[in-house]
Amino acid sequence: MACAQAACATDTAPDPSGSTTTGPAGPTTSASPPSPSPSSGSARVLVVYYSRPGENYYYGDRIDLEVGNTQVLAGVIGNRLDDLGVEHDVHRLEAANPYPDDYDATVARNSDEQDADARPGLANPLDSVEGYDAVLTGSPIWNIRPPMLMRTFAEAHDFTATTVHPFVTYAVSGLGTAEDAYAAACPGADIGAGLAVRGETVREDAPAAVADWLDQMNLPGRRS
């Protein structure tokens, strides 16, 4: 069980901001960003993710991160979409009841939520995913699964005729059950190829992994 629980905290501390913008050094946060609104623009790809900095699993030990691993990965994805000319929106989900900074306390809370099949509240839910052709859903893998708040997000929306591509950071479990979880939570969606990048090496490995992953997709508006 220790190994499985280790996967529970690829990212392990809350951040109060709601979304990110990306730049050469990676994603930065803004205190009160606008929600994506595909009906008012040309963006047809949504990057929506949950990430937490702070005390983090690191090769069997712990490390404190100012920027969570999944946020780093989301920033690389956003930068690559820019390079491809793909219009996209980015939304960072936040828990209404933030998880503890402490790694072990986060592991314990996540275990309780999984056992209870809970749907934790979101501080900044999206109004709709209507109008997006593809939704890239990002999170850490916690005890083989995405955090339960990702089910809260997914079950609140109609993904009919939308392609959902999961992306995750992990310690030992790869994609875990992410693809099955989104297939169950997003009826009517086409679950596309996922991306899993090890949390300890995401800062080195993400650019090449993301480029390969996105190059396999038929994303709307991309340059050839």
Protein backbone atom coordinates (compact mmCIF):
# COMPACT_ATOMS: atom_id res chain seq x y z
CA MET A 1 0.00 0.00 0.00
CA ALA A 2 2.91 2.37 0.62
CA CYS A 3 3.80 2.39 -3.07
CA ALA A 4 0.23 3.04 -4.15
CA GLN A 5 -0.20 5.83 -1.64
CA ALA A 6 3.05 7.38 -2.82
CA ALA A 7 1.33 8.05 -6.13
CA CYS A 8 -1.29 10.01 -4.21
CA ALA A 9 0.75 13.19 -3.97
CA THR A 10 2.46 14.06 -7.19
CA ASP A 11 1.34 17.61 -6.35
CA THR A 12 0.55 18.33 -2.72
CA ALA A 13 -0.29 21.90 -1.73
CA PRO A 14 -2.99 24.39 -2.65
CA ASP A 15 -2.56 27.60 -4.55
CA PRO A 16 -5.36 30.19 -4.37
CA SER A 17 -5.25 31.41 -7.96
CA GLY A 18 -7.64 30.24 -10.61
CA SER A 19 -5.74 29.75 -13.87
CA THR A 20 -2.46 30.25 -15.63
CA THR A 21 -0.77 32.08 -18.41
CA THR A 22 2.37 30.62 -19.90
CA GLY A 23 5.77 32.01 -20.76
CA PRO A 24 9.34 30.89 -21.31
CA ALA A 25 9.82 30.07 -17.63
CA GLY A 26 6.57 28.14 -17.38
CA PRO A 27 3.11 29.01 -16.08
CA THR A 28 2.35 31.95 -13.83
CA THR A 29 -0.85 32.49 -11.91
CA SER A 30 -3.36 35.32 -11.88
CA ALA A 31 -5.57 36.12 -8.91
CA SER A 32 -8.95 36.42 -10.64
CA PRO A 33 -8.76 35.34 -14.29
CA PRO A 34 -11.77 35.27 -16.59
CA SER A 35 -13.43 31.93 -17.23
CA PRO A 36 -13.04 30.49 -20.72
CA SER A 37 -15.89 31.38 -23.06
CA PRO A 38 -15.58 29.58 -26.41
CA SER A 39 -18.82 31.09 -27.71
CA SER A 40 -17.22 34.55 -27.76
CA GLY A 41 -13.97 33.61 -29.48
CA SER A 42 -12.28 31.18 -31.83
CA ALA A 43 -10.73 28.82 -29.28
CA ARG A 44 -11.85 25.24 -29.74
CA VAL A 45 -9.38 23.52 -27.38
CA LEU A 46 -9.67 23.73 -23.62
CA VAL A 47 -6.86 22.87 -21.22
CA VAL A 48 -8.39 22.35 -17.77
CA TYR A 49 -6.35 21.02 -14.90
CA TYR A 50 -5.80 20.72 -11.17
CA SER A 51 -2.34 21.07 -9.62
CA ARG A 52 -0.82 21.68 -6.22
CA PRO A 53 2.64 22.86 -5.21
CA GLY A 54 4.22 22.35 -1.79
CA GLU A 55 5.31 19.16 -0.06
CA ASN A 56 5.73 16.56 -2.76
CA TYR A 57 6.74 12.95 -3.21
CA TYR A 58 10.28 12.74 -4.60
CA TYR A 59 11.98 9.38 -5.17
CA GLY A 60 10.72 8.01 -1.86
CA ASP A 61 11.47 11.22 0.01
CA ARG A 62 9.78 14.65 0.05
CA ILE A 63 10.50 17.95 -1.68
CA ASP A 64 8.83 21.37 -1.52
CA LEU A 65 7.87 22.82 -4.88
CA GLU A 66 6.80 26.40 -5.55
CA VAL A 67 5.03 25.28 -8.75
CA GLY A 68 3.24 21.95 -8.83
CA ASN A 69 4.24 19.30 -11.33
CA THR A 70 0.92 19.27 -13.17
CA GLN A 71 1.02 23.06 -13.50
CA VAL A 72 4.46 22.76 -15.09
CA LEU A 73 3.10 20.19 -17.54
CA ALA A 74 0.06 22.33 -18.35
CA GLY A 75 2.35 25.28 -19.05
CA VAL A 76 4.41 23.24 -21.49
CA ILE A 77 1.21 22.10 -23.21
CA GLY A 78 0.02 25.70 -23.53
CA ASN A 79 3.34 26.81 -24.99
CA ARG A 80 3.32 23.97 -27.50
CA LEU A 81 -0.25 24.80 -28.55
CA ASP A 82 0.93 28.37 -29.14
CA ASP A 83 3.76 27.05 -31.32
CA LEU A 84 1.26 25.01 -33.34
CA GLY A 85 -1.04 28.00 -33.80
CA VAL A 86 -3.89 26.29 -31.94
CA GLU A 87 -6.32 28.71 -30.28
CA HIS A 88 -6.95 27.47 -26.76
CA ASP A 89 -8.23 28.44 -23.33
CA VAL A 90 -6.65 27.40 -20.03
CA HIS A 91 -8.49 26.98 -16.74
CA ARG A 92 -6.93 25.85 -13.48
CA LEU A 93 -9.41 24.20 -11.12
CA GLU A 94 -9.25 24.84 -7.37
CA ALA A 95 -10.77 22.87 -4.51
CA ALA A 96 -13.44 24.72 -2.53
CA ASN A 97 -11.92 23.12 0.57
CA PRO A 98 -8.17 23.24 -0.13
CA TYR A 99 -6.18 20.14 0.64
CA PRO A 100 -3.65 20.30 3.50
CA ASP A 101 -0.09 21.37 2.81
CA ASP A 102 1.12 18.26 4.63
CA TYR A 103 1.82 15.31 2.34
CA ASP A 104 0.55 12.60 4.67
CA ALA A 105 -2.60 14.53 5.50
CA THR A 106 -3.31 14.89 1.78
CA VAL A 107 -2.80 11.16 1.28
CA ALA A 108 -5.24 10.41 4.09
CA ARG A 109 -7.90 12.83 2.84
CA ASN A 110 -7.66 11.51 -0.70
CA SER A 111 -8.03 7.95 0.55
CA ASP A 112 -11.17 8.92 2.46
CA GLU A 113 -12.63 10.66 -0.59
CA GLN A 114 -11.94 7.67 -2.81
CA ASP A 115 -13.46 5.26 -0.30
CA ALA A 116 -16.58 7.44 -0.02
CA ASP A 117 -16.81 8.02 -3.80
CA ALA A 118 -16.93 11.72 -2.89
CA ARG A 119 -17.37 14.67 -5.22
CA PRO A 120 -15.37 17.51 -3.61
CA GLY A 121 -16.58 21.01 -4.38
CA LEU A 122 -14.77 23.34 -6.76
CA ALA A 123 -14.00 26.96 -5.90
CA ASN A 124 -14.06 28.00 -9.56
CA PRO A 125 -16.18 25.64 -11.66
CA LEU A 126 -16.56 26.24 -15.36
CA ASP A 127 -19.97 27.26 -16.64
CA SER A 128 -19.75 25.06 -19.72
CA VAL A 129 -17.45 23.15 -22.06
CA GLU A 130 -19.83 23.70 -24.98
CA GLY A 131 -18.08 24.82 -28.15
CA TYR A 132 -14.78 23.02 -27.55
CA ASP A 133 -13.80 20.22 -29.91
CA ALA A 134 -11.11 18.89 -27.58
CA VAL A 135 -10.70 19.12 -23.82
CA LEU A 136 -7.30 18.29 -22.33
CA THR A 137 -7.87 17.33 -18.67
CA GLY A 138 -4.87 17.43 -16.35
CA SER A 139 -4.16 16.31 -12.79
CA PRO A 140 -1.79 14.34 -10.65
CA ILE A 141 -2.46 10.64 -10.16
CA TRP A 142 -3.38 10.02 -6.54
CA ASN A 143 -3.48 6.38 -5.47
CA ILE A 144 -3.89 5.14 -9.07
CA ARG A 145 -6.66 7.64 -9.91
CA PRO A 146 -7.14 11.34 -10.68
CA PRO A 147 -8.30 13.31 -7.61
CA MET A 148 -12.03 12.98 -7.02
CA LEU A 149 -12.57 16.68 -7.76
CA MET A 150 -11.81 15.84 -11.40
CA ARG A 151 -14.95 13.69 -11.32
CA THR A 152 -16.79 16.70 -9.87
CA PHE A 153 -15.66 18.73 -12.87
CA ALA A 154 -16.31 16.07 -15.51
CA GLU A 155 -19.76 15.04 -14.32
CA ALA A 156 -20.97 18.65 -14.36
CA HIS A 157 -20.68 18.96 -18.15
CA ASP A 158 -21.95 17.48 -21.39
CA PHE A 159 -19.03 16.11 -23.39
CA THR A 160 -21.09 14.72 -26.26
CA ALA A 161 -19.10 14.88 -29.52
CA THR A 162 -16.04 16.17 -27.62
CA THR A 163 -12.67 14.45 -27.51
CA VAL A 164 -11.17 14.23 -24.01
CA HIS A 165 -7.41 13.70 -23.70
CA PRO A 166 -6.17 13.12 -20.12
CA PHE A 167 -2.72 14.29 -19.07
CA VAL A 168 -1.20 13.45 -15.70
CA THR A 169 1.89 13.62 -13.55
CA TYR A 170 2.63 10.56 -11.47
CA ALA A 171 5.05 8.88 -9.10
CA VAL A 172 4.61 5.16 -9.81
CA SER A 173 1.34 4.57 -11.67
CA GLY A 174 1.57 6.19 -15.09
CA LEU A 175 -1.91 7.10 -16.36
CA GLY A 176 -3.41 4.83 -13.70
CA THR A 177 -7.15 4.53 -14.30
CA ALA A 178 -7.48 8.06 -15.74
CA GLU A 179 -8.79 6.97 -19.14
CA ASP A 180 -11.42 4.68 -17.60
CA ALA A 181 -12.40 7.36 -15.07
CA TYR A 182 -13.07 9.95 -17.78
CA ALA A 183 -14.88 7.41 -19.95
CA ALA A 184 -17.27 6.82 -17.04
CA ALA A 185 -17.63 10.49 -16.11
CA CYS A 186 -17.96 11.87 -19.65
CA PRO A 187 -20.63 9.81 -21.45
CA GLY A 188 -20.76 10.66 -25.13
CA ALA A 189 -17.11 11.75 -25.24
CA ASP A 190 -14.40 10.19 -27.31
CA ILE A 191 -11.53 9.41 -24.90
CA GLY A 192 -8.35 10.09 -26.83
CA ALA A 193 -4.74 9.18 -26.13
CA GLY A 194 -3.48 10.26 -22.73
CA LEU A 195 -0.12 11.58 -21.59
CA ALA A 196 1.68 10.59 -18.39
CA VAL A 197 4.91 12.29 -17.27
CA ARG A 198 6.75 11.33 -14.11
CA GLY A 199 6.52 14.11 -11.55
CA GLU A 200 10.16 13.98 -10.50
CA THR A 201 11.33 14.50 -14.10
CA VAL A 202 8.54 16.65 -15.57
CA ARG A 203 10.72 19.75 -15.83
CA GLU A 204 13.19 17.88 -18.03
CA ASP A 205 10.93 15.44 -19.87
CA ALA A 206 7.76 17.43 -20.55
CA PRO A 207 8.79 19.38 -23.69
CA ALA A 208 9.62 16.31 -25.77
CA ALA A 209 6.76 14.25 -24.35
CA VAL A 210 4.21 17.00 -24.98
CA ALA A 211 5.45 17.61 -28.53
CA ASP A 212 5.10 13.92 -29.38
CA TRP A 213 1.65 13.73 -27.74
CA LEU A 214 0.17 16.80 -29.43
CA ASP A 215 1.65 15.87 -32.80
CA GLN A 216 -0.49 12.70 -32.73
CA MET A 217 -3.72 14.70 -32.38
CA ASN A 218 -5.85 16.21 -35.11
CA LEU A 219 -6.29 19.49 -33.26
CA PRO A 220 -8.47 22.19 -34.83
CA GLY A 221 -6.64 25.15 -36.36
CA ARG A 222 -3.12 23.79 -36.02
CA ARG A 223 -0.49 24.74 -38.53
CA SER A 224 0.83 21.88 -40.63
